Amino acid sequence: MRLAVPTENGRVSPGFDSAGRVLLVGREGGEERSRYVAPLPVGSSPGRVTRLHELGVSVLICGGISRLLRQLVDAGGIRAHPWMAGPVDGVLLAYRQGRIDDARKLMSGCGDAERPDSETHR
């Protein structure tokens, strides 16, 4: 399995739509096996999802994400964990421990009612 986390200065990038790169983490048998950074195309939502597929991504952990890009990610079969913030290593630890949703640190100004993926918007 390969996870992608858009990064900026060791932290989860605040917006996936404008992130220039992703940290790719290869996992096998519950253990991290590889880590490297790959660029993302600029200005193309479909191009970003295509790039994730080319990179073999099955899970996306990100900060903010537009409704359109989230729909494309979901339609592409990639499991998204949006609205994350903080140091990349802390977010990856929460994922590895199976508590990514419990550990979600909402981005400043994004309450549950405002998040497009919250139950109130489904």
C-alpha atoms as a PDB file:
ATOM      1  CA  MET A   1       0.000   0.000   0.000  1.00  0.00           C
ATOM      2  CA  ARG A   2       1.188   3.512  -0.712  1.00  0.00           C
ATOM      3  CA  LEU A   3       0.068   6.619   1.184  1.00  0.00           C
ATOM      4  CA  ALA A   4       0.421  10.182  -0.085  1.00  0.00           C
ATOM      5  CA  VAL A   5       0.664  13.250   2.131  1.00  0.00           C
ATOM      6  CA  PRO A   6       1.027  16.707   0.563  1.00  0.00           C
ATOM      7  CA  THR A   7       3.799  18.380   2.542  1.00  0.00           C
ATOM      8  CA  GLU A   8       5.207  21.791   3.229  1.00  0.00           C
ATOM      9  CA  ASN A   9       8.144  22.249   5.627  1.00  0.00           C
ATOM     10  CA  GLY A  10       7.577  18.908   7.364  1.00  0.00           C
ATOM     11  CA  ARG A  11       3.884  19.598   7.956  1.00  0.00           C
ATOM     12  CA  VAL A  12       0.706  18.540   6.157  1.00  0.00           C
ATOM     13  CA  SER A  13       0.193  21.115   3.416  1.00  0.00           C
ATOM     14  CA  PRO A  14      -2.862  23.279   4.169  1.00  0.00           C
ATOM     15  CA  GLY A  15      -4.446  22.733   0.740  1.00  0.00           C
ATOM     16  CA  PHE A  16      -4.185  19.695  -1.515  1.00  0.00           C
ATOM     17  CA  ASP A  17      -5.500  21.638  -4.519  1.00  0.00           C
ATOM     18  CA  SER A  18      -2.397  23.851  -4.589  1.00  0.00           C
ATOM     19  CA  ALA A  19       0.251  21.545  -3.078  1.00  0.00           C
ATOM     20  CA  GLY A  20       3.337  21.201  -5.244  1.00  0.00           C
ATOM     21  CA  ARG A  21       4.464  17.824  -3.953  1.00  0.00           C
ATOM     22  CA  VAL A  22       3.499  14.774  -1.939  1.00  0.00           C
ATOM     23  CA  LEU A  23       5.419  12.576   0.427  1.00  0.00           C
ATOM     24  CA  LEU A  24       4.883   8.965  -0.619  1.00  0.00           C
ATOM     25  CA  VAL A  25       5.080   6.320   2.073  1.00  0.00           C
ATOM     26  CA  GLY A  26       5.192   2.681   1.055  1.00  0.00           C
ATOM     27  CA  ARG A  27       3.806   0.290   3.659  1.00  0.00           C
ATOM     28  CA  GLU A  28       3.911  -3.482   3.723  1.00  0.00           C
ATOM     29  CA  GLY A  29       2.774  -5.780   6.510  1.00  0.00           C
ATOM     30  CA  GLY A  30       1.973  -2.796   8.709  1.00  0.00           C
ATOM     31  CA  GLU A  31       5.525  -1.443   8.457  1.00  0.00           C
ATOM     32  CA  GLU A  32       6.899   1.537   6.585  1.00  0.00           C
ATOM     33  CA  ARG A  33       9.172   0.317   3.777  1.00  0.00           C
ATOM     34  CA  SER A  34       9.922   3.425   1.724  1.00  0.00           C
ATOM     35  CA  ARG A  35       9.577   7.188   1.717  1.00  0.00           C
ATOM     36  CA  TYR A  36      10.155   9.699  -1.079  1.00  0.00           C
ATOM     37  CA  VAL A  37       8.786  12.976  -2.447  1.00  0.00           C
ATOM     38  CA  ALA A  38       7.121  13.352  -5.856  1.00  0.00           C
ATOM     39  CA  PRO A  39       5.899  16.490  -7.657  1.00  0.00           C
ATOM     40  CA  LEU A  40       2.241  17.128  -8.484  1.00  0.00           C
ATOM     41  CA  PRO A  41       0.926  18.827 -11.631  1.00  0.00           C
ATOM     42  CA  VAL A  42      -0.155  22.449 -11.230  1.00  0.00           C
ATOM     43  CA  GLY A  43      -3.717  23.623 -11.855  1.00  0.00           C
ATOM     44  CA  SER A  44      -5.383  20.380 -12.941  1.00  0.00           C
ATOM     45  CA  SER A  45      -7.663  18.490 -10.581  1.00  0.00           C
ATOM     46  CA  PRO A  46      -7.984  15.476 -12.909  1.00  0.00           C
ATOM     47  CA  GLY A  47      -4.219  15.620 -13.476  1.00  0.00           C
ATOM     48  CA  ARG A  48      -3.579  15.421  -9.737  1.00  0.00           C
ATOM     49  CA  VAL A  49      -5.720  12.300  -9.395  1.00  0.00           C
ATOM     50  CA  THR A  50      -4.091  10.753 -12.467  1.00  0.00           C
ATOM     51  CA  ARG A  51      -0.682  11.446 -10.917  1.00  0.00           C
ATOM     52  CA  LEU A  52      -1.736   9.764  -7.655  1.00  0.00           C
ATOM     53  CA  HIS A  53      -2.738   6.685  -9.671  1.00  0.00           C
ATOM     54  CA  GLU A  54       0.572   6.718 -11.563  1.00  0.00           C
ATOM     55  CA  LEU A  55       2.342   6.771  -8.192  1.00  0.00           C
ATOM     56  CA  GLY A  56       0.293   3.806  -6.930  1.00  0.00           C
ATOM     57  CA  VAL A  57      -1.443   5.753  -4.147  1.00  0.00           C
ATOM     58  CA  SER A  58      -4.327   4.050  -2.337  1.00  0.00           C
ATOM     59  CA  VAL A  59      -4.629   6.442   0.651  1.00  0.00           C
ATOM     60  CA  LEU A  60      -4.446  10.245   0.651  1.00  0.00           C
ATOM     61  CA  ILE A  61      -3.964  12.107   3.928  1.00  0.00           C
ATOM     62  CA  CYS A  62      -4.325  15.833   3.341  1.00  0.00           C
ATOM     63  CA  GLY A  63      -5.340  19.214   4.667  1.00  0.00           C
ATOM     64  CA  GLY A  64      -8.059  21.170   2.900  1.00  0.00           C
ATOM     65  CA  ILE A  65      -9.438  19.847  -0.369  1.00  0.00           C
ATOM     66  CA  SER A  66     -12.025  21.295  -2.736  1.00  0.00           C
ATOM     67  CA  ARG A  67     -15.307  19.501  -3.217  1.00  0.00           C
ATOM     68  CA  LEU A  68     -14.500  18.770  -6.890  1.00  0.00           C
ATOM     69  CA  LEU A  69     -11.079  17.305  -6.149  1.00  0.00           C
ATOM     70  CA  ARG A  70     -12.484  15.235  -3.271  1.00  0.00           C
ATOM     71  CA  GLN A  71     -15.122  13.812  -5.609  1.00  0.00           C
ATOM     72  CA  LEU A  72     -12.447  12.924  -8.177  1.00  0.00           C
ATOM     73  CA  VAL A  73     -10.280  11.284  -5.522  1.00  0.00           C
ATOM     74  CA  ASP A  74     -13.235   9.269  -4.223  1.00  0.00           C
ATOM     75  CA  ALA A  75     -14.325   8.284  -7.751  1.00  0.00           C
ATOM     76  CA  GLY A  76     -10.761   7.160  -8.445  1.00  0.00           C
ATOM     77  CA  GLY A  77     -10.924   4.663  -5.581  1.00  0.00           C
ATOM     78  CA  ILE A  78      -8.427   6.474  -3.354  1.00  0.00           C
ATOM     79  CA  ARG A  79      -9.340   6.582   0.342  1.00  0.00           C
ATOM     80  CA  ALA A  80      -9.093  10.202   1.513  1.00  0.00           C
ATOM     81  CA  HIS A  81      -8.515  11.457   5.050  1.00  0.00           C
ATOM     82  CA  PRO A  82      -8.915  15.236   4.600  1.00  0.00           C
ATOM     83  CA  TRP A  83      -8.784  18.194   6.976  1.00  0.00           C
ATOM     84  CA  MET A  84      -5.626  17.036   8.725  1.00  0.00           C
ATOM     85  CA  ALA A  85      -3.046  19.451  10.100  1.00  0.00           C
ATOM     86  CA  GLY A  86       0.232  19.239  11.916  1.00  0.00           C
ATOM     87  CA  PRO A  87       3.590  17.526  11.547  1.00  0.00           C
ATOM     88  CA  VAL A  88       3.639  14.799   8.902  1.00  0.00           C
ATOM     89  CA  ASP A  89       5.256  12.263  11.228  1.00  0.00           C
ATOM     90  CA  GLY A  90       2.528  12.778  13.843  1.00  0.00           C
ATOM     91  CA  VAL A  91      -0.235  12.282  11.286  1.00  0.00           C
ATOM     92  CA  LEU A  92       1.476   9.155   9.913  1.00  0.00           C
ATOM     93  CA  LEU A  93       1.821   7.785  13.443  1.00  0.00           C
ATOM     94  CA  ALA A  94      -1.908   8.302  14.027  1.00  0.00           C
ATOM     95  CA  TYR A  95      -2.647   6.486  10.757  1.00  0.00           C
ATOM     96  CA  ARG A  96      -0.334   3.605  11.653  1.00  0.00           C
ATOM     97  CA  GLN A  97      -1.999   3.268  15.061  1.00  0.00           C
ATOM     98  CA  GLY A  98      -5.465   3.187  13.472  1.00  0.00           C
ATOM     99  CA  ARG A  99      -6.566   6.436  15.084  1.00  0.00           C
ATOM    100  CA  ILE A 100      -6.355   8.833  12.153  1.00  0.00           C
ATOM    101  CA  ASP A 101      -9.987   9.897  12.464  1.00  0.00           C
ATOM    102  CA  ASP A 102      -9.764  10.244  16.248  1.00  0.00           C
ATOM    103  CA  ALA A 103      -6.533  12.212  15.946  1.00  0.00           C
ATOM    104  CA  ARG A 104      -7.858  14.584  13.280  1.00  0.00           C
ATOM    105  CA  LYS A 105      -6.730  18.061  14.087  1.00  0.00           C
ATOM    106  CA  LEU A 106      -9.192  20.308  12.344  1.00  0.00           C
ATOM    107  CA  MET A 107      -7.624  23.076  10.398  1.00  0.00           C
ATOM    108  CA  SER A 108      -8.181  26.504  11.862  1.00  0.00           C
ATOM    109  CA  GLY A 109     -11.698  27.739  11.106  1.00  0.00           C
ATOM    110  CA  CYS A 110     -13.049  24.374   9.959  1.00  0.00           C
ATOM    111  CA  GLY A 111     -15.663  23.136  12.384  1.00  0.00           C
ATOM    112  CA  ASP A 112     -17.547  19.895  11.717  1.00  0.00           C
ATOM    113  CA  ALA A 113     -20.518  21.751  10.252  1.00  0.00           C
ATOM    114  CA  GLU A 114     -18.220  23.533   7.790  1.00  0.00           C
ATOM    115  CA  ARG A 115     -16.334  20.459   6.574  1.00  0.00           C
ATOM    116  CA  PRO A 116     -17.701  19.155   3.268  1.00  0.00           C
ATOM    117  CA  ASP A 117     -17.121  15.564   4.391  1.00  0.00           C
ATOM    118  CA  SER A 118     -19.018  15.882   7.666  1.00  0.00           C
ATOM    119  CA  GLU A 119     -22.187  13.890   8.243  1.00  0.00           C
ATOM    120  CA  THR A 120     -24.270  17.079   8.063  1.00  0.00           C
ATOM    121  CA  HIS A 121     -23.309  17.474   4.398  1.00  0.00           C
ATOM    122  CA  ARG A 122     -24.055  13.936   3.191  1.00  0.00           C
END
